[in-house]
Amino acid sequence: MSELTKTRQQLWVNPTIDCNCECSDEDNNVYHITYEIPGVKKDDIHLKVIKSGVRLVAHKDNIDYINEFAFQCDVDTSKTLAAYEDGVLIIDAPYDCPDPFKDAGLLKIN
């Protein structure tokens, strides 16, 4: 086997994010994160989540698809869900983050 066939290519994949990212106390505070990684088998997806972010490594042939995404607000890892179908990985990560500007005063603009 040549050195060329042993080399794995790493590709950074950018997720699509759908969330109410203002860290407010409104209902349905969930990060909806979608990765398109066609052709990857479910068993070749390695997903880790901590309260401050998620890490994806997915293998296909000689390619590693990778991404790390940092959350603006901490998530509840025990309630975070992931599903994979037809090359699309969807992660739903609920967060609880009070609005840091709730009691802030307005700044006068001159």
PDB file of N, CA and C in Angstrom:
ATOM      1  N   MET A   1       0.848  -1.176   0.000  1.00  0.00           N
ATOM      2  CA  MET A   1       0.000   0.000   0.000  1.00  0.00           C
ATOM      3  C   MET A   1       0.892   1.237   0.000  1.00  0.00           C
ATOM      4  N   SER A   2       0.624   2.154  -0.904  1.00  0.00           N
ATOM      5  CA  SER A   2       1.456   3.352  -1.003  1.00  0.00           C
ATOM      6  C   SER A   2       1.126   4.332   0.107  1.00  0.00           C
ATOM      7  N   GLU A   3       2.029   5.289   0.340  1.00  0.00           N
ATOM      8  CA  GLU A   3       1.815   6.322   1.349  1.00  0.00           C
ATOM      9  C   GLU A   3       0.589   7.167   1.029  1.00  0.00           C
ATOM     10  N   LEU A   4       0.295   7.360  -0.241  1.00  0.00           N
ATOM     11  CA  LEU A   4      -0.846   8.175  -0.651  1.00  0.00           C
ATOM     12  C   LEU A   4      -2.154   7.543  -0.200  1.00  0.00           C
ATOM     13  N   THR A   5      -2.280   6.225  -0.299  1.00  0.00           N
ATOM     14  CA  THR A   5      -3.531   5.572   0.085  1.00  0.00           C
ATOM     15  C   THR A   5      -3.691   5.480   1.598  1.00  0.00           C
ATOM     16  N   LYS A   6      -2.613   5.631   2.345  1.00  0.00           N
ATOM     17  CA  LYS A   6      -2.684   5.606   3.802  1.00  0.00           C
ATOM     18  C   LYS A   6      -3.096   6.959   4.370  1.00  0.00           C
ATOM     19  N   THR A   7      -2.956   8.013   3.609  1.00  0.00           N
ATOM     20  CA  THR A   7      -3.225   9.356   4.096  1.00  0.00           C
ATOM     21  C   THR A   7      -4.722   9.604   4.175  1.00  0.00           C
ATOM     22  N   ARG A   8      -5.173  10.121   5.312  1.00  0.00           N
ATOM     23  CA  ARG A   8      -6.572  10.488   5.490  1.00  0.00           C
ATOM     24  C   ARG A   8      -6.695  11.992   5.312  1.00  0.00           C
ATOM     25  N   GLN A   9      -7.696  12.388   4.590  1.00  0.00           N
ATOM     26  CA  GLN A   9      -7.964  13.806   4.384  1.00  0.00           C
ATOM     27  C   GLN A   9      -8.966  14.255   5.438  1.00  0.00           C
ATOM     28  N   GLN A  10      -8.699  15.409   6.047  1.00  0.00           N
ATOM     29  CA  GLN A  10      -9.624  15.958   7.022  1.00  0.00           C
ATOM     30  C   GLN A  10     -10.352  17.139   6.406  1.00  0.00           C
ATOM     31  N   LEU A  11     -11.685  17.073   6.455  1.00  0.00           N
ATOM     32  CA  LEU A  11     -12.515  18.144   5.920  1.00  0.00           C
ATOM     33  C   LEU A  11     -13.352  18.737   7.042  1.00  0.00           C
ATOM     34  N   TRP A  12     -13.310  20.051   7.176  1.00  0.00           N
ATOM     35  CA  TRP A  12     -14.120  20.757   8.157  1.00  0.00           C
ATOM     36  C   TRP A  12     -15.527  20.901   7.591  1.00  0.00           C
ATOM     37  N   VAL A  13     -16.539  20.429   8.301  1.00  0.00           N
ATOM     38  CA  VAL A  13     -17.918  20.560   7.857  1.00  0.00           C
ATOM     39  C   VAL A  13     -18.606  21.618   8.714  1.00  0.00           C
ATOM     40  N   ASN A  14     -19.319  22.508   8.067  1.00  0.00           N
ATOM     41  CA  ASN A  14     -20.023  23.563   8.785  1.00  0.00           C
ATOM     42  C   ASN A  14     -21.480  23.167   8.973  1.00  0.00           C
ATOM     43  N   PRO A  15     -21.955  23.251  10.215  1.00  0.00           N
ATOM     44  CA  PRO A  15     -23.336  22.882  10.466  1.00  0.00           C
ATOM     45  C   PRO A  15     -24.286  24.022  10.113  1.00  0.00           C
ATOM     46  N   THR A  16     -25.543  23.661   9.954  1.00  0.00           N
ATOM     47  CA  THR A  16     -26.610  24.649   9.874  1.00  0.00           C
ATOM     48  C   THR A  16     -27.191  24.742  11.277  1.00  0.00           C
ATOM     49  N   ILE A  17     -27.288  25.962  11.793  1.00  0.00           N
ATOM     50  CA  ILE A  17     -27.762  26.164  13.158  1.00  0.00           C
ATOM     51  C   ILE A  17     -29.109  26.870  13.116  1.00  0.00           C
ATOM     52  N   ASP A  18     -30.070  26.338  13.830  1.00  0.00           N
ATOM     53  CA  ASP A  18     -31.372  26.974  13.968  1.00  0.00           C
ATOM     54  C   ASP A  18     -31.673  27.022  15.451  1.00  0.00           C
ATOM     55  N   CYS A  19     -31.639  28.221  16.006  1.00  0.00           N
ATOM     56  CA  CYS A  19     -31.915  28.345  17.428  1.00  0.00           C
ATOM     57  C   CYS A  19     -32.334  29.769  17.747  1.00  0.00           C
ATOM     58  N   ASN A  20     -32.831  29.927  18.926  1.00  0.00           N
ATOM     59  CA  ASN A  20     -33.108  31.247  19.464  1.00  0.00           C
ATOM     60  C   ASN A  20     -31.847  31.622  20.234  1.00  0.00           C
ATOM     61  N   CYS A  21     -30.856  32.120  19.535  1.00  0.00           N
ATOM     62  CA  CYS A  21     -29.505  32.239  20.089  1.00  0.00           C
ATOM     63  C   CYS A  21     -29.265  33.499  20.925  1.00  0.00           C
ATOM     64  N   GLU A  22     -30.321  34.180  21.301  1.00  0.00           N
ATOM     65  CA  GLU A  22     -30.118  35.361  22.138  1.00  0.00           C
ATOM     66  C   GLU A  22     -29.995  34.997  23.606  1.00  0.00           C
ATOM     67  N   CYS A  23     -30.034  33.715  23.935  1.00  0.00           N
ATOM     68  CA  CYS A  23     -29.988  33.242  25.322  1.00  0.00           C
ATOM     69  C   CYS A  23     -31.097  33.887  26.141  1.00  0.00           C
ATOM     70  N   SER A  24     -32.308  33.776  25.655  1.00  0.00           N
ATOM     71  CA  SER A  24     -33.445  34.354  26.358  1.00  0.00           C
ATOM     72  C   SER A  24     -34.216  33.269  27.095  1.00  0.00           C
ATOM     73  N   ASP A  25     -35.190  33.671  27.875  1.00  0.00           N
ATOM     74  CA  ASP A  25     -35.984  32.731  28.636  1.00  0.00           C
ATOM     75  C   ASP A  25     -37.264  32.336  27.922  1.00  0.00           C
ATOM     76  N   GLU A  26     -37.318  32.460  26.605  1.00  0.00           N
ATOM     77  CA  GLU A  26     -38.499  32.087  25.859  1.00  0.00           C
ATOM     78  C   GLU A  26     -38.623  30.567  25.777  1.00  0.00           C
ATOM     79  N   ASP A  27     -39.838  30.099  25.466  1.00  0.00           N
ATOM     80  CA  ASP A  27     -40.058  28.660  25.328  1.00  0.00           C
ATOM     81  C   ASP A  27     -39.272  28.116  24.140  1.00  0.00           C
ATOM     82  N   ASN A  28     -39.070  26.794  24.147  1.00  0.00           N
ATOM     83  CA  ASN A  28     -38.386  26.093  23.057  1.00  0.00           C
ATOM     84  C   ASN A  28     -36.944  26.538  22.878  1.00  0.00           C
ATOM     85  N   ASN A  29     -36.223  26.673  23.942  1.00  0.00           N
ATOM     86  CA  ASN A  29     -34.807  27.038  23.855  1.00  0.00           C
ATOM     87  C   ASN A  29     -33.988  25.793  23.562  1.00  0.00           C
ATOM     88  N   VAL A  30     -33.860  25.516  22.261  1.00  0.00           N
ATOM     89  CA  VAL A  30     -33.135  24.335  21.807  1.00  0.00           C
ATOM     90  C   VAL A  30     -32.269  24.714  20.617  1.00  0.00           C
ATOM     91  N   TYR A  31     -31.002  24.310  20.679  1.00  0.00           N
ATOM     92  CA  TYR A  31     -30.157  24.427  19.494  1.00  0.00           C
ATOM     93  C   TYR A  31     -30.538  23.281  18.564  1.00  0.00           C
ATOM     94  N   HIS A  32     -30.842  23.577  17.316  1.00  0.00           N
ATOM     95  CA  HIS A  32     -31.081  22.570  16.292  1.00  0.00           C
ATOM     96  C   HIS A  32     -29.882  22.642  15.348  1.00  0.00           C
ATOM     97  N   ILE A  33     -29.019  21.651  15.413  1.00  0.00           N
ATOM     98  CA  ILE A  33     -27.773  21.648  14.652  1.00  0.00           C
ATOM     99  C   ILE A  33     -27.860  20.547  13.604  1.00  0.00           C
ATOM    100  N   THR A  34     -27.625  20.911  12.350  1.00  0.00           N
ATOM    101  CA  THR A  34     -27.723  19.953  11.250  1.00  0.00           C
ATOM    102  C   THR A  34     -26.396  19.860  10.511  1.00  0.00           C
ATOM    103  N   TYR A  35     -25.895  18.652  10.363  1.00  0.00           N
ATOM    104  CA  TYR A  35     -24.689  18.384   9.579  1.00  0.00           C
ATOM    105  C   TYR A  35     -25.072  17.539   8.372  1.00  0.00           C
ATOM    106  N   GLU A  36     -24.620  17.927   7.200  1.00  0.00           N
ATOM    107  CA  GLU A  36     -24.802  17.125   5.999  1.00  0.00           C
ATOM    108  C   GLU A  36     -23.507  16.369   5.735  1.00  0.00           C
ATOM    109  N   ILE A  37     -23.560  15.059   5.921  1.00  0.00           N
ATOM    110  CA  ILE A  37     -22.381  14.203   5.747  1.00  0.00           C
ATOM    111  C   ILE A  37     -22.798  12.964   4.940  1.00  0.00           C
ATOM    112  N   PRO A  38     -23.120  13.168   3.663  1.00  0.00           N
ATOM    113  CA  PRO A  38     -23.641  12.077   2.835  1.00  0.00           C
ATOM    114  C   PRO A  38     -22.639  10.940   2.673  1.00  0.00           C
ATOM    115  N   GLY A  39     -23.197   9.743   2.675  1.00  0.00           N
ATOM    116  CA  GLY A  39     -22.376   8.562   2.448  1.00  0.00           C
ATOM    117  C   GLY A  39     -21.700   8.015   3.678  1.00  0.00           C
ATOM    118  N   VAL A  40     -21.777   8.720   4.785  1.00  0.00           N
ATOM    119  CA  VAL A  40     -21.167   8.243   6.025  1.00  0.00           C
ATOM    120  C   VAL A  40     -22.121   7.256   6.695  1.00  0.00           C
ATOM    121  N   LYS A  41     -21.592   6.133   7.151  1.00  0.00           N
ATOM    122  CA  LYS A  41     -22.402   5.160   7.883  1.00  0.00           C
ATOM    123  C   LYS A  41     -22.579   5.638   9.326  1.00  0.00           C
ATOM    124  N   LYS A  42     -23.746   5.337   9.891  1.00  0.00           N
ATOM    125  CA  LYS A  42     -24.046   5.781  11.255  1.00  0.00           C
ATOM    126  C   LYS A  42     -22.986   5.306  12.251  1.00  0.00           C
ATOM    127  N   ASP A  43     -22.487   4.096  12.067  1.00  0.00           N
ATOM    128  CA  ASP A  43     -21.472   3.559  12.978  1.00  0.00           C
ATOM    129  C   ASP A  43     -20.134   4.278  12.859  1.00  0.00           C
ATOM    130  N   ASP A  44     -19.945   5.048  11.803  1.00  0.00           N
ATOM    131  CA  ASP A  44     -18.688   5.780  11.607  1.00  0.00           C
ATOM    132  C   ASP A  44     -18.781   7.236  12.057  1.00  0.00           C
ATOM    133  N   ILE A  45     -19.860   7.570  12.755  1.00  0.00           N
ATOM    134  CA  ILE A  45     -20.032   8.926  13.285  1.00  0.00           C
ATOM    135  C   ILE A  45     -19.703   8.891  14.766  1.00  0.00           C
ATOM    136  N   HIS A  46     -18.791   9.772  15.173  1.00  0.00           N
ATOM    137  CA  HIS A  46     -18.397   9.883  16.574  1.00  0.00           C
ATOM    138  C   HIS A  46     -18.767  11.293  17.036  1.00  0.00           C
ATOM    139  N   LEU A  47     -19.727  11.349  17.942  1.00  0.00           N
ATOM    140  CA  LEU A  47     -20.285  12.622  18.390  1.00  0.00           C
ATOM    141  C   LEU A  47     -20.127  12.719  19.895  1.00  0.00           C
ATOM    142  N   LYS A  48     -19.530  13.817  20.349  1.00  0.00           N
ATOM    143  CA  LYS A  48     -19.368  14.068  21.779  1.00  0.00           C
ATOM    144  C   LYS A  48     -20.009  15.407  22.101  1.00  0.00           C
ATOM    145  N   VAL A  49     -20.687  15.462  23.233  1.00  0.00           N
ATOM    146  CA  VAL A  49     -21.305  16.712  23.647  1.00  0.00           C
ATOM    147  C   VAL A  49     -20.960  16.966  25.114  1.00  0.00           C
ATOM    148  N   ILE A  50     -20.587  18.207  25.373  1.00  0.00           N
ATOM    149  CA  ILE A  50     -20.396  18.690  26.729  1.00  0.00           C
ATOM    150  C   ILE A  50     -21.281  19.922  26.872  1.00  0.00           C
ATOM    151  N   LYS A  51     -21.422  20.427  28.070  1.00  0.00           N
ATOM    152  CA  LYS A  51     -22.361  21.534  28.271  1.00  0.00           C
ATOM    153  C   LYS A  51     -22.007  22.770  27.451  1.00  0.00           C
ATOM    154  N   SER A  52     -20.766  22.913  27.038  1.00  0.00           N
ATOM    155  CA  SER A  52     -20.365  24.117  26.305  1.00  0.00           C
ATOM    156  C   SER A  52     -20.127  23.896  24.813  1.00  0.00           C
ATOM    157  N   GLY A  53     -20.324  22.650  24.314  1.00  0.00           N
ATOM    158  CA  GLY A  53     -20.086  22.455  22.887  1.00  0.00           C
ATOM    159  C   GLY A  53     -20.264  21.018  22.438  1.00  0.00           C
ATOM    160  N   VAL A  54     -20.095  20.849  21.138  1.00  0.00           N
ATOM    161  CA  VAL A  54     -20.233  19.530  20.524  1.00  0.00           C
ATOM    162  C   VAL A  54     -19.059  19.306  19.571  1.00  0.00           C
ATOM    163  N   ARG A  55     -18.602  18.049  19.494  1.00  0.00           N
ATOM    164  CA  ARG A  55     -17.519  17.678  18.575  1.00  0.00           C
ATOM    165  C   ARG A  55     -17.995  16.519  17.705  1.00  0.00           C
ATOM    166  N   LEU A  56     -17.800  16.683  16.399  1.00  0.00           N
ATOM    167  CA  LEU A  56     -18.171  15.657  15.431  1.00  0.00           C
ATOM    168  C   LEU A  56     -16.930  15.195  14.684  1.00  0.00           C
ATOM    169  N   VAL A  57     -16.774  13.879  14.576  1.00  0.00           N
ATOM    170  CA  VAL A  57     -15.794  13.268  13.693  1.00  0.00           C
ATOM    171  C   VAL A  57     -16.534  12.127  12.991  1.00  0.00           C
ATOM    172  N   ALA A  58     -16.573  12.197  11.669  1.00  0.00           N
ATOM    173  CA  ALA A  58     -17.267  11.176  10.885  1.00  0.00           C
ATOM    174  C   ALA A  58     -16.324  10.676   9.799  1.00  0.00           C
ATOM    175  N   HIS A  59     -16.227   9.362   9.678  1.00  0.00           N
ATOM    176  CA  HIS A  59     -15.289   8.738   8.741  1.00  0.00           C
ATOM    177  C   HIS A  59     -16.012   8.189   7.517  1.00  0.00           C
ATOM    178  N   LYS A  60     -15.433   8.454   6.342  1.00  0.00           N
ATOM    179  CA  LYS A  60     -15.910   7.856   5.093  1.00  0.00           C
ATOM    180  C   LYS A  60     -14.690   7.641   4.203  1.00  0.00           C
ATOM    181  N   ASP A  61     -14.444   6.404   3.849  1.00  0.00           N
ATOM    182  CA  ASP A  61     -13.285   6.065   3.024  1.00  0.00           C
ATOM    183  C   ASP A  61     -12.032   6.685   3.637  1.00  0.00           C
ATOM    184  N   ASN A  62     -11.309   7.519   2.896  1.00  0.00           N
ATOM    185  CA  ASN A  62     -10.090   8.154   3.407  1.00  0.00           C
ATOM    186  C   ASN A  62     -10.337   9.591   3.858  1.00  0.00           C
ATOM    187  N   ILE A  63     -11.583   9.895   4.256  1.00  0.00           N
ATOM    188  CA  ILE A  63     -11.932  11.264   4.645  1.00  0.00           C
ATOM    189  C   ILE A  63     -12.467  11.265   6.066  1.00  0.00           C
ATOM    190  N   ASP A  64     -12.008  12.213   6.864  1.00  0.00           N
ATOM    191  CA  ASP A  64     -12.574  12.476   8.185  1.00  0.00           C
ATOM    192  C   ASP A  64     -13.276  13.825   8.126  1.00  0.00           C
ATOM    193  N   TYR A  65     -14.585  13.826   8.326  1.00  0.00           N
ATOM    194  CA  TYR A  65     -15.342  15.068   8.435  1.00  0.00           C
ATOM    195  C   TYR A  65     -15.304  15.476   9.897  1.00  0.00           C
ATOM    196  N   ILE A  66     -14.899  16.722  10.161  1.00  0.00           N
ATOM    197  CA  ILE A  66     -14.748  17.153  11.543  1.00  0.00           C
ATOM    198  C   ILE A  66     -15.404  18.509  11.764  1.00  0.00           C
ATOM    199  N   ASN A  67     -15.841  18.732  13.000  1.00  0.00           N
ATOM    200  CA  ASN A  67     -16.371  20.032  13.395  1.00  0.00           C
ATOM    201  C   ASN A  67     -16.430  20.087  14.905  1.00  0.00           C
ATOM    202  N   GLU A  68     -16.178  21.275  15.432  1.00  0.00           N
ATOM    203  CA  GLU A  68     -16.420  21.574  16.837  1.00  0.00           C
ATOM    204  C   GLU A  68     -17.252  22.837  16.881  1.00  0.00           C
ATOM    205  N   PHE A  69     -18.338  22.795  17.630  1.00  0.00           N
ATOM    206  CA  PHE A  69     -19.247  23.930  17.724  1.00  0.00           C
ATOM    207  C   PHE A  69     -19.405  24.304  19.191  1.00  0.00           C
ATOM    208  N   ALA A  70     -19.156  25.578  19.509  1.00  0.00           N
ATOM    209  CA  ALA A  70     -19.295  26.074  20.882  1.00  0.00           C
ATOM    210  C   ALA A  70     -20.666  26.702  21.063  1.00  0.00           C
ATOM    211  N   PHE A  71     -21.353  26.313  22.133  1.00  0.00           N
ATOM    212  CA  PHE A  71     -22.661  26.881  22.439  1.00  0.00           C
ATOM    213  C   PHE A  71     -22.500  28.226  23.132  1.00  0.00           C
ATOM    214  N   GLN A  72     -23.401  29.150  22.859  1.00  0.00           N
ATOM    215  CA  GLN A  72     -23.411  30.431  23.564  1.00  0.00           C
ATOM    216  C   GLN A  72     -23.889  30.246  24.998  1.00  0.00           C
ATOM    217  N   CYS A  73     -24.782  29.302  25.188  1.00  0.00           N
ATOM    218  CA  CYS A  73     -25.344  29.003  26.503  1.00  0.00           C
ATOM    219  C   CYS A  73     -25.126  27.519  26.779  1.00  0.00           C
ATOM    220  N   ASP A  74     -24.930  27.178  28.045  1.00  0.00           N
ATOM    221  CA  ASP A  74     -24.735  25.775  28.400  1.00  0.00           C
ATOM    222  C   ASP A  74     -25.973  24.954  28.063  1.00  0.00           C
ATOM    223  N   VAL A  75     -25.738  23.725  27.601  1.00  0.00           N
ATOM    224  CA  VAL A  75     -26.840  22.823  27.271  1.00  0.00           C
ATOM    225  C   VAL A  75     -26.966  21.738  28.336  1.00  0.00           C
ATOM    226  N   ASP A  76     -28.125  21.115  28.370  1.00  0.00           N
ATOM    227  CA  ASP A  76     -28.372  19.975  29.239  1.00  0.00           C
ATOM    228  C   ASP A  76     -27.981  18.726  28.456  1.00  0.00           C
ATOM    229  N   THR A  77     -26.804  18.191  28.716  1.00  0.00           N
ATOM    230  CA  THR A  77     -26.306  17.051  27.947  1.00  0.00           C
ATOM    231  C   THR A  77     -27.166  15.802  28.136  1.00  0.00           C
ATOM    232  N   SER A  78     -27.838  15.686  29.270  1.00  0.00           N
ATOM    233  CA  SER A  78     -28.671  14.503  29.511  1.00  0.00           C
ATOM    234  C   SER A  78     -29.940  14.518  28.661  1.00  0.00           C
ATOM    235  N   LYS A  79     -30.318  15.674  28.128  1.00  0.00           N
ATOM    236  CA  LYS A  79     -31.522  15.784  27.300  1.00  0.00           C
ATOM    237  C   LYS A  79     -31.197  16.033  25.826  1.00  0.00           C
ATOM    238  N   THR A  80     -29.912  16.063  25.474  1.00  0.00           N
ATOM    239  CA  THR A  80     -29.501  16.281  24.097  1.00  0.00           C
ATOM    240  C   THR A  80     -29.742  15.015  23.281  1.00  0.00           C
ATOM    241  N   LEU A  81     -30.339  15.177  22.094  1.00  0.00           N
ATOM    242  CA  LEU A  81     -30.682  14.048  21.229  1.00  0.00           C
ATOM    243  C   LEU A  81     -30.008  14.196  19.872  1.00  0.00           C
ATOM    244  N   ALA A  82     -29.726  13.069  19.229  1.00  0.00           N
ATOM    245  CA  ALA A  82     -29.151  13.084  17.883  1.00  0.00           C
ATOM    246  C   ALA A  82     -29.825  12.000  17.049  1.00  0.00           C
ATOM    247  N   ALA A  83     -30.040  12.313  15.772  1.00  0.00           N
ATOM    248  CA  ALA A  83     -30.623  11.351  14.831  1.00  0.00           C
ATOM    249  C   ALA A  83     -29.904  11.492  13.495  1.00  0.00           C
ATOM    250  N   TYR A  84     -29.745  10.360  12.795  1.00  0.00           N
ATOM    251  CA  TYR A  84     -29.049  10.357  11.510  1.00  0.00           C
ATOM    252  C   TYR A  84     -29.866   9.575  10.502  1.00  0.00           C
ATOM    253  N   GLU A  85     -30.129  10.210   9.359  1.00  0.00           N
ATOM    254  CA  GLU A  85     -30.872   9.551   8.295  1.00  0.00           C
ATOM    255  C   GLU A  85     -30.521  10.187   6.960  1.00  0.00           C
ATOM    256  N   ASP A  86     -30.265   9.356   5.961  1.00  0.00           N
ATOM    257  CA  ASP A  86     -29.999   9.805   4.591  1.00  0.00           C
ATOM    258  C   ASP A  86     -28.909  10.878   4.511  1.00  0.00           C
ATOM    259  N   GLY A  87     -27.831  10.701   5.276  1.00  0.00           N
ATOM    260  CA  GLY A  87     -26.698  11.615   5.201  1.00  0.00           C
ATOM    261  C   GLY A  87     -26.858  12.905   5.973  1.00  0.00           C
ATOM    262  N   VAL A  88     -27.912  12.994   6.788  1.00  0.00           N
ATOM    263  CA  VAL A  88     -28.153  14.217   7.563  1.00  0.00           C
ATOM    264  C   VAL A  88     -28.178  13.866   9.046  1.00  0.00           C
ATOM    265  N   LEU A  89     -27.289  14.504   9.805  1.00  0.00           N
ATOM    266  CA  LEU A  89     -27.223  14.334  11.254  1.00  0.00           C
ATOM    267  C   LEU A  89     -27.871  15.554  11.901  1.00  0.00           C
ATOM    268  N   ILE A  90     -28.857  15.309  12.747  1.00  0.00           N
ATOM    269  CA  ILE A  90     -29.548  16.402  13.439  1.00  0.00           C
ATOM    270  C   ILE A  90     -29.357  16.231  14.938  1.00  0.00           C
ATOM    271  N   ILE A  91     -28.924  17.310  15.583  1.00  0.00           N
ATOM    272  CA  ILE A  91     -28.713  17.324  17.022  1.00  0.00           C
ATOM    273  C   ILE A  91     -29.648  18.368  17.614  1.00  0.00           C
ATOM    274  N   ASP A  92     -30.406  17.975  18.640  1.00  0.00           N
ATOM    275  CA  ASP A  92     -31.243  18.905  19.384  1.00  0.00           C
ATOM    276  C   ASP A  92     -30.697  18.984  20.799  1.00  0.00           C
ATOM    277  N   ALA A  93     -30.200  20.168  21.157  1.00  0.00           N
ATOM    278  CA  ALA A  93     -29.561  20.366  22.450  1.00  0.00           C
ATOM    279  C   ALA A  93     -30.290  21.479  23.209  1.00  0.00           C
ATOM    280  N   PRO A  94     -31.107  21.122  24.216  1.00  0.00           N
ATOM    281  CA  PRO A  94     -31.831  22.148  24.964  1.00  0.00           C
ATOM    282  C   PRO A  94     -30.890  22.951  25.864  1.00  0.00           C
ATOM    283  N   TYR A  95     -31.137  24.236  25.929  1.00  0.00           N
ATOM    284  CA  TYR A  95     -30.321  25.092  26.778  1.00  0.00           C
ATOM    285  C   TYR A  95     -31.199  25.938  27.690  1.00  0.00           C
ATOM    286  N   ASP A  96     -30.610  26.365  28.783  1.00  0.00           N
ATOM    287  CA  ASP A  96     -31.292  27.235  29.733  1.00  0.00           C
ATOM    288  C   ASP A  96     -30.338  28.378  30.016  1.00  0.00           C
ATOM    289  N   CYS A  97     -30.708  29.544  29.536  1.00  0.00           N
ATOM    290  CA  CYS A  97     -29.792  30.672  29.652  1.00  0.00           C
ATOM    291  C   CYS A  97     -30.608  31.953  29.830  1.00  0.00           C
ATOM    292  N   PRO A  98     -30.605  32.506  31.019  1.00  0.00           N
ATOM    293  CA  PRO A  98     -31.348  33.758  31.211  1.00  0.00           C
ATOM    294  C   PRO A  98     -30.730  34.895  30.406  1.00  0.00           C
ATOM    295  N   ASP A  99     -31.565  35.829  30.012  1.00  0.00           N
ATOM    296  CA  ASP A  99     -31.124  36.988  29.234  1.00  0.00           C
ATOM    297  C   ASP A  99     -30.198  37.852  30.093  1.00  0.00           C
ATOM    298  N   PRO A 100     -28.918  37.951  29.728  1.00  0.00           N
ATOM    299  CA  PRO A 100     -27.983  38.739  30.541  1.00  0.00           C
ATOM    300  C   PRO A 100     -28.271  40.244  30.489  1.00  0.00           C
ATOM    301  N   PHE A 101     -29.089  40.683  29.542  1.00  0.00           N
ATOM    302  CA  PHE A 101     -29.392  42.103  29.404  1.00  0.00           C
ATOM    303  C   PHE A 101     -30.757  42.466  29.988  1.00  0.00           C
ATOM    304  N   LYS A 102     -31.409  41.534  30.656  1.00  0.00           N
ATOM    305  CA  LYS A 102     -32.763  41.739  31.159  1.00  0.00           C
ATOM    306  C   LYS A 102     -32.869  42.989  32.025  1.00  0.00           C
ATOM    307  N   ASP A 103     -31.957  43.201  32.948  1.00  0.00           N
ATOM    308  CA  ASP A 103     -32.027  44.328  33.877  1.00  0.00           C
ATOM    309  C   ASP A 103     -31.032  45.435  33.517  1.00  0.00           C
ATOM    310  N   ALA A 104     -30.442  45.373  32.343  1.00  0.00           N
ATOM    311  CA  ALA A 104     -29.461  46.387  31.933  1.00  0.00           C
ATOM    312  C   ALA A 104     -30.169  47.677  31.544  1.00  0.00           C
ATOM    313  N   GLY A 105     -29.544  48.760  31.874  1.00  0.00           N
ATOM    314  CA  GLY A 105     -30.079  50.057  31.479  1.00  0.00           C
ATOM    315  C   GLY A 105     -29.702  50.382  30.051  1.00  0.00           C
ATOM    316  N   LEU A 106     -30.443  51.336  29.462  1.00  0.00           N
ATOM    317  CA  LEU A 106     -30.138  51.767  28.109  1.00  0.00           C
ATOM    318  C   LEU A 106     -29.000  52.767  28.130  1.00  0.00           C
ATOM    319  N   LEU A 107     -28.131  52.677  27.173  1.00  0.00           N
ATOM    320  CA  LEU A 107     -27.015  53.590  27.045  1.00  0.00           C
ATOM    321  C   LEU A 107     -27.442  54.734  26.150  1.00  0.00           C
ATOM    322  N   LYS A 108     -27.259  55.953  26.634  1.00  0.00           N
ATOM    323  CA  LYS A 108     -27.617  57.127  25.834  1.00  0.00           C
ATOM    324  C   LYS A 108     -26.607  57.302  24.715  1.00  0.00           C
ATOM    325  N   ILE A 109     -27.122  57.497  23.516  1.00  0.00           N
ATOM    326  CA  ILE A 109     -26.260  57.695  22.357  1.00  0.00           C
ATOM    327  C   ILE A 109     -26.259  59.168  22.004  1.00  0.00           C
ATOM    328  N   ASN A 110     -25.081  59.760  21.979  1.00  0.00           N
ATOM    329  CA  ASN A 110     -24.959  61.189  21.629  1.00  0.00           C
ATOM    330  C   ASN A 110     -24.768  61.369  20.153  1.00  0.00           C
TER     331      ASN A 110
END
